Amino acid sequence: MSITLTEKAARHITRYLERRGKGVGLRFGVRTTGCSGLAYKLEYVDEPGGEDNIFESHGVKVFVDPKSLPYIDGTELDFAREGLNEGFRFNNPNVKDNCGCGESFRI
């Protein structure tokens, strides 16, 4: 089981944590929502949870709760800038379908 980051994503997270002045990594998971059923959730972590799975990629720790891991196992997080827009992209090999608005996915 693994979660990885591209170098661009790792640099973005590292810069953000430095600007915040605190934090040990990024929490990555899923929540039930949207037309297709699941959506990604991201938040910065100040203290790891006791049950979190911890993955490290390019020097950045990614924390994943045990319930989310089966849905996102093998995912690579990338960070992209296109014009004025920027954000994380999720390369999840488990996704079978995305909703039309791009907010949720189905496994």
PDB file of N, CA and C in Angstrom:
ATOM      1  N   MET A   1       0.846  -1.180   0.000  1.00  0.00           N
ATOM      2  CA  MET A   1       0.000   0.000   0.000  1.00  0.00           C
ATOM      3  C   MET A   1       0.885   1.234   0.000  1.00  0.00           C
ATOM      4  N   SER A   2       0.485   2.221  -0.801  1.00  0.00           N
ATOM      5  CA  SER A   2       1.306   3.426  -0.851  1.00  0.00           C
ATOM      6  C   SER A   2       0.515   4.630  -1.344  1.00  0.00           C
ATOM      7  N   ILE A   3       0.959   5.787  -0.918  1.00  0.00           N
ATOM      8  CA  ILE A   3       0.512   7.084  -1.403  1.00  0.00           C
ATOM      9  C   ILE A   3       1.798   7.831  -1.728  1.00  0.00           C
ATOM     10  N   THR A   4       1.866   8.449  -2.910  1.00  0.00           N
ATOM     11  CA  THR A   4       3.079   9.173  -3.277  1.00  0.00           C
ATOM     12  C   THR A   4       2.739  10.605  -3.695  1.00  0.00           C
ATOM     13  N   LEU A   5       3.763  11.433  -3.690  1.00  0.00           N
ATOM     14  CA  LEU A   5       3.663  12.817  -4.125  1.00  0.00           C
ATOM     15  C   LEU A   5       4.633  13.038  -5.269  1.00  0.00           C
ATOM     16  N   THR A   6       4.271  13.894  -6.206  1.00  0.00           N
ATOM     17  CA  THR A   6       5.249  14.322  -7.191  1.00  0.00           C
ATOM     18  C   THR A   6       6.155  15.342  -6.500  1.00  0.00           C
ATOM     19  N   GLU A   7       7.274  15.660  -7.131  1.00  0.00           N
ATOM     20  CA  GLU A   7       8.170  16.666  -6.553  1.00  0.00           C
ATOM     21  C   GLU A   7       7.475  18.017  -6.428  1.00  0.00           C
ATOM     22  N   LYS A   8       6.645  18.380  -7.420  1.00  0.00           N
ATOM     23  CA  LYS A   8       5.923  19.657  -7.359  1.00  0.00           C
ATOM     24  C   LYS A   8       4.963  19.703  -6.173  1.00  0.00           C
ATOM     25  N   ALA A   9       4.254  18.613  -5.937  1.00  0.00           N
ATOM     26  CA  ALA A   9       3.322  18.567  -4.810  1.00  0.00           C
ATOM     27  C   ALA A   9       4.083  18.658  -3.488  1.00  0.00           C
ATOM     28  N   ALA A  10       5.182  17.940  -3.379  1.00  0.00           N
ATOM     29  CA  ALA A  10       5.980  17.973  -2.151  1.00  0.00           C
ATOM     30  C   ALA A  10       6.526  19.376  -1.889  1.00  0.00           C
ATOM     31  N   ARG A  11       7.002  20.055  -2.926  1.00  0.00           N
ATOM     32  CA  ARG A  11       7.509  21.426  -2.760  1.00  0.00           C
ATOM     33  C   ARG A  11       6.400  22.366  -2.298  1.00  0.00           C
ATOM     34  N   HIS A  12       5.205  22.226  -2.886  1.00  0.00           N
ATOM     35  CA  HIS A  12       4.081  23.078  -2.493  1.00  0.00           C
ATOM     36  C   HIS A  12       3.723  22.865  -1.018  1.00  0.00           C
ATOM     37  N   ILE A  13       3.628  21.620  -0.606  1.00  0.00           N
ATOM     38  CA  ILE A  13       3.276  21.307   0.782  1.00  0.00           C
ATOM     39  C   ILE A  13       4.345  21.832   1.730  1.00  0.00           C
ATOM     40  N   THR A  14       5.610  21.621   1.402  1.00  0.00           N
ATOM     41  CA  THR A  14       6.717  22.088   2.242  1.00  0.00           C
ATOM     42  C   THR A  14       6.682  23.603   2.397  1.00  0.00           C
ATOM     43  N   ARG A  15       6.493  24.321   1.296  1.00  0.00           N
ATOM     44  CA  ARG A  15       6.418  25.795   1.361  1.00  0.00           C
ATOM     45  C   ARG A  15       5.246  26.244   2.225  1.00  0.00           C
ATOM     46  N   TYR A  16       4.097  25.583   2.061  1.00  0.00           N
ATOM     47  CA  TYR A  16       2.918  25.971   2.831  1.00  0.00           C
ATOM     48  C   TYR A  16       3.145  25.729   4.323  1.00  0.00           C
ATOM     49  N   LEU A  17       3.712  24.591   4.678  1.00  0.00           N
ATOM     50  CA  LEU A  17       3.984  24.298   6.091  1.00  0.00           C
ATOM     51  C   LEU A  17       4.972  25.305   6.674  1.00  0.00           C
ATOM     52  N   GLU A  18       5.970  25.705   5.886  1.00  0.00           N
ATOM     53  CA  GLU A  18       6.931  26.707   6.350  1.00  0.00           C
ATOM     54  C   GLU A  18       6.249  28.051   6.588  1.00  0.00           C
ATOM     55  N   ARG A  19       5.357  28.459   5.694  1.00  0.00           N
ATOM     56  CA  ARG A  19       4.623  29.725   5.862  1.00  0.00           C
ATOM     57  C   ARG A  19       3.701  29.676   7.075  1.00  0.00           C
ATOM     58  N   ARG A  20       3.095  28.511   7.314  1.00  0.00           N
ATOM     59  CA  ARG A  20       2.214  28.337   8.478  1.00  0.00           C
ATOM     60  C   ARG A  20       3.003  28.433   9.775  1.00  0.00           C
ATOM     61  N   GLY A  21       4.257  27.985   9.717  1.00  0.00           N
ATOM     62  CA  GLY A  21       5.085  27.986  10.909  1.00  0.00           C
ATOM     63  C   GLY A  21       4.864  26.798  11.823  1.00  0.00           C
ATOM     64  N   LYS A  22       4.055  25.855  11.370  1.00  0.00           N
ATOM     65  CA  LYS A  22       3.823  24.630  12.146  1.00  0.00           C
ATOM     66  C   LYS A  22       3.272  23.571  11.215  1.00  0.00           C
ATOM     67  N   GLY A  23       3.268  22.345  11.690  1.00  0.00           N
ATOM     68  CA  GLY A  23       2.725  21.241  10.907  1.00  0.00           C
ATOM     69  C   GLY A  23       3.771  20.185  10.625  1.00  0.00           C
ATOM     70  N   VAL A  24       3.292  18.941  10.512  1.00  0.00           N
ATOM     71  CA  VAL A  24       4.200  17.816  10.276  1.00  0.00           C
ATOM     72  C   VAL A  24       3.928  17.107   8.952  1.00  0.00           C
ATOM     73  N   GLY A  25       2.870  17.516   8.242  1.00  0.00           N
ATOM     74  CA  GLY A  25       2.572  16.872   6.975  1.00  0.00           C
ATOM     75  C   GLY A  25       1.163  17.152   6.511  1.00  0.00           C
ATOM     76  N   LEU A  26       0.670  16.288   5.643  1.00  0.00           N
ATOM     77  CA  LEU A  26      -0.638  16.442   5.014  1.00  0.00           C
ATOM     78  C   LEU A  26      -1.497  15.231   5.307  1.00  0.00           C
ATOM     79  N   ARG A  27      -2.753  15.450   5.715  1.00  0.00           N
ATOM     80  CA  ARG A  27      -3.703  14.347   5.875  1.00  0.00           C
ATOM     81  C   ARG A  27      -4.511  14.251   4.584  1.00  0.00           C
ATOM     82  N   PHE A  28      -4.594  13.037   4.052  1.00  0.00           N
ATOM     83  CA  PHE A  28      -5.275  12.764   2.794  1.00  0.00           C
ATOM     84  C   PHE A  28      -6.294  11.673   3.048  1.00  0.00           C
ATOM     85  N   GLY A  29      -7.530  11.907   2.642  1.00  0.00           N
ATOM     86  CA  GLY A  29      -8.569  10.912   2.850  1.00  0.00           C
ATOM     87  C   GLY A  29      -9.727  11.133   1.903  1.00  0.00           C
ATOM     88  N   VAL A  30     -10.818  10.429   2.176  1.00  0.00           N
ATOM     89  CA  VAL A  30     -12.038  10.570   1.393  1.00  0.00           C
ATOM     90  C   VAL A  30     -13.210  10.791   2.337  1.00  0.00           C
ATOM     91  N   ARG A  31     -14.265  11.379   1.779  1.00  0.00           N
ATOM     92  CA  ARG A  31     -15.517  11.534   2.510  1.00  0.00           C
ATOM     93  C   ARG A  31     -16.647  11.207   1.545  1.00  0.00           C
ATOM     94  N   THR A  32     -17.789  10.832   2.080  1.00  0.00           N
ATOM     95  CA  THR A  32     -18.945  10.507   1.266  1.00  0.00           C
ATOM     96  C   THR A  32     -19.653  11.800   0.889  1.00  0.00           C
ATOM     97  N   THR A  33     -19.835  12.008  -0.418  1.00  0.00           N
ATOM     98  CA  THR A  33     -20.484  13.225  -0.896  1.00  0.00           C
ATOM     99  C   THR A  33     -20.636  13.178  -2.400  1.00  0.00           C
ATOM    100  N   GLY A  34     -21.278  14.178  -2.957  1.00  0.00           N
ATOM    101  CA  GLY A  34     -21.335  14.367  -4.404  1.00  0.00           C
ATOM    102  C   GLY A  34     -22.187  13.367  -5.138  1.00  0.00           C
ATOM    103  N   CYS A  35     -22.211  13.518  -6.462  1.00  0.00           N
ATOM    104  CA  CYS A  35     -23.052  12.663  -7.303  1.00  0.00           C
ATOM    105  C   CYS A  35     -22.504  11.255  -7.461  1.00  0.00           C
ATOM    106  N   SER A  36     -21.187  11.103  -7.360  1.00  0.00           N
ATOM    107  CA  SER A  36     -20.598   9.778  -7.580  1.00  0.00           C
ATOM    108  C   SER A  36     -20.292   9.036  -6.285  1.00  0.00           C
ATOM    109  N   GLY A  37     -20.368   9.703  -5.154  1.00  0.00           N
ATOM    110  CA  GLY A  37     -20.248   8.994  -3.887  1.00  0.00           C
ATOM    111  C   GLY A  37     -19.092   9.379  -2.988  1.00  0.00           C
ATOM    112  N   LEU A  38     -17.892   9.643  -3.537  1.00  0.00           N
ATOM    113  CA  LEU A  38     -16.722   9.940  -2.709  1.00  0.00           C
ATOM    114  C   LEU A  38     -16.034  11.204  -3.215  1.00  0.00           C
ATOM    115  N   ALA A  39     -15.443  11.939  -2.272  1.00  0.00           N
ATOM    116  CA  ALA A  39     -14.648  13.111  -2.630  1.00  0.00           C
ATOM    117  C   ALA A  39     -13.378  13.089  -1.792  1.00  0.00           C
ATOM    118  N   TYR A  40     -12.315  13.646  -2.329  1.00  0.00           N
ATOM    119  CA  TYR A  40     -11.053  13.726  -1.605  1.00  0.00           C
ATOM    120  C   TYR A  40     -11.128  14.819  -0.556  1.00  0.00           C
ATOM    121  N   LYS A  41     -10.407  14.618   0.538  1.00  0.00           N
ATOM    122  CA  LYS A  41     -10.266  15.678   1.534  1.00  0.00           C
ATOM    123  C   LYS A  41      -8.796  15.786   1.910  1.00  0.00           C
ATOM    124  N   LEU A  42      -8.338  17.009   2.044  1.00  0.00           N
ATOM    125  CA  LEU A  42      -6.951  17.297   2.396  1.00  0.00           C
ATOM    126  C   LEU A  42      -6.937  18.304   3.530  1.00  0.00           C
ATOM    127  N   GLU A  43      -6.027  18.116   4.470  1.00  0.00           N
ATOM    128  CA  GLU A  43      -5.824  19.097   5.529  1.00  0.00           C
ATOM    129  C   GLU A  43      -4.416  18.948   6.059  1.00  0.00           C
ATOM    130  N   TYR A  44      -3.881  20.036   6.538  1.00  0.00           N
ATOM    131  CA  TYR A  44      -2.534  19.994   7.097  1.00  0.00           C
ATOM    132  C   TYR A  44      -2.594  19.451   8.510  1.00  0.00           C
ATOM    133  N   VAL A  45      -1.561  18.700   8.889  1.00  0.00           N
ATOM    134  CA  VAL A  45      -1.536  17.983  10.167  1.00  0.00           C
ATOM    135  C   VAL A  45      -0.541  18.645  11.111  1.00  0.00           C
ATOM    136  N   ASP A  46      -1.028  18.990  12.312  1.00  0.00           N
ATOM    137  CA  ASP A  46      -0.144  19.504  13.348  1.00  0.00           C
ATOM    138  C   ASP A  46       0.329  18.380  14.259  1.00  0.00           C
ATOM    139  N   GLU A  47      -0.563  17.407  14.496  1.00  0.00           N
ATOM    140  CA  GLU A  47      -0.207  16.226  15.294  1.00  0.00           C
ATOM    141  C   GLU A  47      -0.848  15.004  14.657  1.00  0.00           C
ATOM    142  N   PRO A  48      -0.067  13.942  14.434  1.00  0.00           N
ATOM    143  CA  PRO A  48      -0.629  12.737  13.799  1.00  0.00           C
ATOM    144  C   PRO A  48      -1.649  12.049  14.703  1.00  0.00           C
ATOM    145  N   GLY A  49      -2.635  11.411  14.059  1.00  0.00           N
ATOM    146  CA  GLY A  49      -3.601  10.603  14.789  1.00  0.00           C
ATOM    147  C   GLY A  49      -3.009   9.243  15.107  1.00  0.00           C
ATOM    148  N   GLY A  50      -3.530   8.594  16.125  1.00  0.00           N
ATOM    149  CA  GLY A  50      -2.988   7.320  16.572  1.00  0.00           C
ATOM    150  C   GLY A  50      -3.117   6.189  15.578  1.00  0.00           C
ATOM    151  N   GLU A  51      -4.155   6.220  14.738  1.00  0.00           N
ATOM    152  CA  GLU A  51      -4.391   5.114  13.812  1.00  0.00           C
ATOM    153  C   GLU A  51      -3.943   5.417  12.392  1.00  0.00           C
ATOM    154  N   ASP A  52      -3.406   6.605  12.148  1.00  0.00           N
ATOM    155  CA  ASP A  52      -3.012   6.993  10.799  1.00  0.00           C
ATOM    156  C   ASP A  52      -1.940   6.081  10.212  1.00  0.00           C
ATOM    157  N   ASN A  53      -2.074   5.784   8.928  1.00  0.00           N
ATOM    158  CA  ASN A  53      -0.991   5.179   8.156  1.00  0.00           C
ATOM    159  C   ASN A  53      -0.135   6.349   7.689  1.00  0.00           C
ATOM    160  N   ILE A  54       1.168   6.218   7.758  1.00  0.00           N
ATOM    161  CA  ILE A  54       2.057   7.315   7.389  1.00  0.00           C
ATOM    162  C   ILE A  54       2.924   6.882   6.211  1.00  0.00           C
ATOM    163  N   PHE A  55       2.881   7.703   5.162  1.00  0.00           N
ATOM    164  CA  PHE A  55       3.694   7.492   3.970  1.00  0.00           C
ATOM    165  C   PHE A  55       4.591   8.713   3.825  1.00  0.00           C
ATOM    166  N   GLU A  56       5.799   8.517   3.321  1.00  0.00           N
ATOM    167  CA  GLU A  56       6.695   9.644   3.110  1.00  0.00           C
ATOM    168  C   GLU A  56       7.158   9.650   1.664  1.00  0.00           C
ATOM    169  N   SER A  57       7.089  10.829   1.059  1.00  0.00           N
ATOM    170  CA  SER A  57       7.461  10.970  -0.337  1.00  0.00           C
ATOM    171  C   SER A  57       8.151  12.320  -0.509  1.00  0.00           C
ATOM    172  N   HIS A  58       9.368  12.316  -1.041  1.00  0.00           N
ATOM    173  CA  HIS A  58      10.148  13.540  -1.245  1.00  0.00           C
ATOM    174  C   HIS A  58      10.266  14.345   0.049  1.00  0.00           C
ATOM    175  N   GLY A  59      10.399  13.639   1.177  1.00  0.00           N
ATOM    176  CA  GLY A  59      10.596  14.302   2.461  1.00  0.00           C
ATOM    177  C   GLY A  59       9.339  14.821   3.128  1.00  0.00           C
ATOM    178  N   VAL A  60       8.170  14.564   2.554  1.00  0.00           N
ATOM    179  CA  VAL A  60       6.904  15.032   3.127  1.00  0.00           C
ATOM    180  C   VAL A  60       6.103  13.833   3.616  1.00  0.00           C
ATOM    181  N   LYS A  61       5.572  13.950   4.829  1.00  0.00           N
ATOM    182  CA  LYS A  61       4.738  12.882   5.386  1.00  0.00           C
ATOM    183  C   LYS A  61       3.285  13.086   4.984  1.00  0.00           C
ATOM    184  N   VAL A  62       2.660  11.975   4.566  1.00  0.00           N
ATOM    185  CA  VAL A  62       1.244  11.967   4.210  1.00  0.00           C
ATOM    186  C   VAL A  62       0.553  11.000   5.166  1.00  0.00           C
ATOM    187  N   PHE A  63      -0.456  11.496   5.875  1.00  0.00           N
ATOM    188  CA  PHE A  63      -1.195  10.724   6.865  1.00  0.00           C
ATOM    189  C   PHE A  63      -2.538  10.312   6.280  1.00  0.00           C
ATOM    190  N   VAL A  64      -2.855   9.013   6.391  1.00  0.00           N
ATOM    191  CA  VAL A  64      -4.097   8.481   5.826  1.00  0.00           C
ATOM    192  C   VAL A  64      -4.792   7.646   6.892  1.00  0.00           C
ATOM    193  N   ASP A  65      -6.090   7.937   7.120  1.00  0.00           N
ATOM    194  CA  ASP A  65      -6.843   7.136   8.087  1.00  0.00           C
ATOM    195  C   ASP A  65      -7.135   5.764   7.494  1.00  0.00           C
ATOM    196  N   PRO A  66      -7.262   4.740   8.338  1.00  0.00           N
ATOM    197  CA  PRO A  66      -7.448   3.371   7.838  1.00  0.00           C
ATOM    198  C   PRO A  66      -8.695   3.172   6.977  1.00  0.00           C
ATOM    199  N   LYS A  67      -9.767   3.932   7.220  1.00  0.00           N
ATOM    200  CA  LYS A  67     -10.995   3.764   6.431  1.00  0.00           C
ATOM    201  C   LYS A  67     -10.840   4.303   5.009  1.00  0.00           C
ATOM    202  N   SER A  68     -10.021   5.336   4.836  1.00  0.00           N
ATOM    203  CA  SER A  68      -9.834   5.929   3.504  1.00  0.00           C
ATOM    204  C   SER A  68      -8.848   5.151   2.645  1.00  0.00           C
ATOM    205  N   LEU A  69      -7.899   4.480   3.275  1.00  0.00           N
ATOM    206  CA  LEU A  69      -6.804   3.856   2.536  1.00  0.00           C
ATOM    207  C   LEU A  69      -7.233   2.932   1.400  1.00  0.00           C
ATOM    208  N   PRO A  70      -8.232   2.061   1.572  1.00  0.00           N
ATOM    209  CA  PRO A  70      -8.599   1.186   0.447  1.00  0.00           C
ATOM    210  C   PRO A  70      -9.063   1.947  -0.802  1.00  0.00           C
ATOM    211  N   TYR A  71      -9.617   3.136  -0.621  1.00  0.00           N
ATOM    212  CA  TYR A  71     -10.121   3.927  -1.747  1.00  0.00           C
ATOM    213  C   TYR A  71      -9.026   4.710  -2.460  1.00  0.00           C
ATOM    214  N   ILE A  72      -7.929   4.987  -1.759  1.00  0.00           N
ATOM    215  CA  ILE A  72      -6.890   5.835  -2.347  1.00  0.00           C
ATOM    216  C   ILE A  72      -5.527   5.154  -2.441  1.00  0.00           C
ATOM    217  N   ASP A  73      -5.462   3.881  -2.115  1.00  0.00           N
ATOM    218  CA  ASP A  73      -4.204   3.153  -2.207  1.00  0.00           C
ATOM    219  C   ASP A  73      -3.646   3.242  -3.628  1.00  0.00           C
ATOM    220  N   GLY A  74      -2.383   3.598  -3.736  1.00  0.00           N
ATOM    221  CA  GLY A  74      -1.735   3.706  -5.035  1.00  0.00           C
ATOM    222  C   GLY A  74      -1.841   5.086  -5.665  1.00  0.00           C
ATOM    223  N   THR A  75      -2.498   6.013  -4.990  1.00  0.00           N
ATOM    224  CA  THR A  75      -2.708   7.353  -5.551  1.00  0.00           C
ATOM    225  C   THR A  75      -1.425   8.177  -5.508  1.00  0.00           C
ATOM    226  N   GLU A  76      -1.215   8.929  -6.586  1.00  0.00           N
ATOM    227  CA  GLU A  76      -0.134   9.905  -6.638  1.00  0.00           C
ATOM    228  C   GLU A  76      -0.772  11.289  -6.632  1.00  0.00           C
ATOM    229  N   LEU A  77      -0.344  12.156  -5.709  1.00  0.00           N
ATOM    230  CA  LEU A  77      -0.807  13.536  -5.675  1.00  0.00           C
ATOM    231  C   LEU A  77       0.170  14.404  -6.441  1.00  0.00           C
ATOM    232  N   ASP A  78      -0.385  15.208  -7.315  1.00  0.00           N
ATOM    233  CA  ASP A  78       0.413  16.158  -8.084  1.00  0.00           C
ATOM    234  C   ASP A  78      -0.129  17.548  -7.783  1.00  0.00           C
ATOM    235  N   PHE A  79       0.656  18.563  -8.062  1.00  0.00           N
ATOM    236  CA  PHE A  79       0.208  19.936  -7.902  1.00  0.00           C
ATOM    237  C   PHE A  79       0.435  20.649  -9.220  1.00  0.00           C
ATOM    238  N   ALA A  80      -0.611  21.280  -9.739  1.00  0.00           N
ATOM    239  CA  ALA A  80      -0.511  21.911 -11.061  1.00  0.00           C
ATOM    240  C   ALA A  80      -1.015  23.344 -11.019  1.00  0.00           C
ATOM    241  N   ARG A  81      -0.374  24.168 -11.832  1.00  0.00           N
ATOM    242  CA  ARG A  81      -0.821  25.549 -12.038  1.00  0.00           C
ATOM    243  C   ARG A  81      -1.162  25.699 -13.510  1.00  0.00           C
ATOM    244  N   GLU A  82      -2.357  26.187 -13.783  1.00  0.00           N
ATOM    245  CA  GLU A  82      -2.791  26.442 -15.150  1.00  0.00           C
ATOM    246  C   GLU A  82      -3.414  27.829 -15.181  1.00  0.00           C
ATOM    247  N   GLY A  83      -2.689  28.781 -15.716  1.00  0.00           N
ATOM    248  CA  GLY A  83      -3.179  30.151 -15.724  1.00  0.00           C
ATOM    249  C   GLY A  83      -3.310  30.662 -14.300  1.00  0.00           C
ATOM    250  N   LEU A  84      -4.490  31.132 -13.956  1.00  0.00           N
ATOM    251  CA  LEU A  84      -4.744  31.644 -12.603  1.00  0.00           C
ATOM    252  C   LEU A  84      -5.166  30.542 -11.633  1.00  0.00           C
ATOM    253  N   ASN A  85      -5.410  29.344 -12.139  1.00  0.00           N
ATOM    254  CA  ASN A  85      -5.861  28.234 -11.302  1.00  0.00           C
ATOM    255  C   ASN A  85      -4.693  27.368 -10.856  1.00  0.00           C
ATOM    256  N   GLU A  86      -4.789  26.896  -9.636  1.00  0.00           N
ATOM    257  CA  GLU A  86      -3.796  25.956  -9.133  1.00  0.00           C
ATOM    258  C   GLU A  86      -4.479  25.018  -8.162  1.00  0.00           C
ATOM    259  N   GLY A  87      -3.921  23.814  -8.021  1.00  0.00           N
ATOM    260  CA  GLY A  87      -4.494  22.868  -7.083  1.00  0.00           C
ATOM    261  C   GLY A  87      -3.906  21.488  -7.234  1.00  0.00           C
ATOM    262  N   PHE A  88      -4.315  20.627  -6.324  1.00  0.00           N
ATOM    263  CA  PHE A  88      -3.855  19.248  -6.347  1.00  0.00           C
ATOM    264  C   PHE A  88      -4.611  18.458  -7.405  1.00  0.00           C
ATOM    265  N   ARG A  89      -3.906  17.527  -8.011  1.00  0.00           N
ATOM    266  CA  ARG A  89      -4.500  16.562  -8.931  1.00  0.00           C
ATOM    267  C   ARG A  89      -4.260  15.182  -8.341  1.00  0.00           C
ATOM    268  N   PHE A  90      -5.254  14.335  -8.484  1.00  0.00           N
ATOM    269  CA  PHE A  90      -5.205  13.007  -7.895  1.00  0.00           C
ATOM    270  C   PHE A  90      -5.150  11.962  -9.003  1.00  0.00           C
ATOM    271  N   ASN A  91      -4.050  11.235  -9.064  1.00  0.00           N
ATOM    272  CA  ASN A  91      -3.900  10.147 -10.030  1.00  0.00           C
ATOM    273  C   ASN A  91      -4.167   8.845  -9.275  1.00  0.00           C
ATOM    274  N   ASN A  92      -5.466   8.496  -9.188  1.00  0.00           N
ATOM    275  CA  ASN A  92      -5.920   7.358  -8.395  1.00  0.00           C
ATOM    276  C   ASN A  92      -6.266   6.200  -9.326  1.00  0.00           C
ATOM    277  N   PRO A  93      -5.495   5.104  -9.253  1.00  0.00           N
ATOM    278  CA  PRO A  93      -5.746   3.962 -10.149  1.00  0.00           C
ATOM    279  C   PRO A  93      -7.033   3.206  -9.836  1.00  0.00           C
ATOM    280  N   ASN A  94      -7.672   3.497  -8.702  1.00  0.00           N
ATOM    281  CA  ASN A  94      -8.880   2.782  -8.289  1.00  0.00           C
ATOM    282  C   ASN A  94     -10.167   3.390  -8.841  1.00  0.00           C
ATOM    283  N   VAL A  95     -10.112   4.608  -9.362  1.00  0.00           N
ATOM    284  CA  VAL A  95     -11.305   5.317  -9.805  1.00  0.00           C
ATOM    285  C   VAL A  95     -11.905   4.658 -11.047  1.00  0.00           C
ATOM    286  N   LYS A  96     -13.190   4.375 -10.965  1.00  0.00           N
ATOM    287  CA  LYS A  96     -13.918   3.783 -12.097  1.00  0.00           C
ATOM    288  C   LYS A  96     -14.671   4.852 -12.878  1.00  0.00           C
ATOM    289  N   ASP A  97     -15.120   5.922 -12.179  1.00  0.00           N
ATOM    290  CA  ASP A  97     -15.923   6.945 -12.830  1.00  0.00           C
ATOM    291  C   ASP A  97     -15.856   8.234 -12.013  1.00  0.00           C
ATOM    292  N   ASN A  98     -15.893   9.383 -12.714  1.00  0.00           N
ATOM    293  CA  ASN A  98     -15.957  10.699 -12.078  1.00  0.00           C
ATOM    294  C   ASN A  98     -17.294  11.337 -12.404  1.00  0.00           C
ATOM    295  N   CYS A  99     -17.770  12.192 -11.520  1.00  0.00           N
ATOM    296  CA  CYS A  99     -18.986  12.920 -11.849  1.00  0.00           C
ATOM    297  C   CYS A  99     -18.648  14.005 -12.858  1.00  0.00           C
ATOM    298  N   GLY A 100     -19.635  14.548 -13.510  1.00  0.00           N
ATOM    299  CA  GLY A 100     -19.433  15.548 -14.547  1.00  0.00           C
ATOM    300  C   GLY A 100     -18.795  16.832 -14.043  1.00  0.00           C
ATOM    301  N   CYS A 101     -19.073  17.197 -12.796  1.00  0.00           N
ATOM    302  CA  CYS A 101     -18.521  18.451 -12.271  1.00  0.00           C
ATOM    303  C   CYS A 101     -17.108  18.263 -11.733  1.00  0.00           C
ATOM    304  N   GLY A 102     -16.643  17.016 -11.634  1.00  0.00           N
ATOM    305  CA  GLY A 102     -15.280  16.747 -11.184  1.00  0.00           C
ATOM    306  C   GLY A 102     -15.088  16.779  -9.681  1.00  0.00           C
ATOM    307  N   GLU A 103     -16.154  16.886  -8.914  1.00  0.00           N
ATOM    308  CA  GLU A 103     -16.047  16.987  -7.462  1.00  0.00           C
ATOM    309  C   GLU A 103     -16.014  15.621  -6.761  1.00  0.00           C
ATOM    310  N   SER A 104     -16.533  14.595  -7.386  1.00  0.00           N
ATOM    311  CA  SER A 104     -16.579  13.303  -6.713  1.00  0.00           C
ATOM    312  C   SER A 104     -16.239  12.176  -7.689  1.00  0.00           C
ATOM    313  N   PHE A 105     -16.031  10.991  -7.114  1.00  0.00           N
ATOM    314  CA  PHE A 105     -15.644   9.834  -7.921  1.00  0.00           C
ATOM    315  C   PHE A 105     -16.256   8.578  -7.341  1.00  0.00           C
ATOM    316  N   ARG A 106     -16.172   7.500  -8.127  1.00  0.00           N
ATOM    317  CA  ARG A 106     -16.717   6.196  -7.719  1.00  0.00           C
ATOM    318  C   ARG A 106     -15.630   5.146  -7.899  1.00  0.00           C
ATOM    319  N   ILE A 107     -15.581   4.209  -6.968  1.00  0.00           N
ATOM    320  CA  ILE A 107     -14.617   3.099  -7.016  1.00  0.00           C
ATOM    321  C   ILE A 107     -15.331   1.861  -7.518  1.00  0.00           C
TER     322      ILE A 107
END
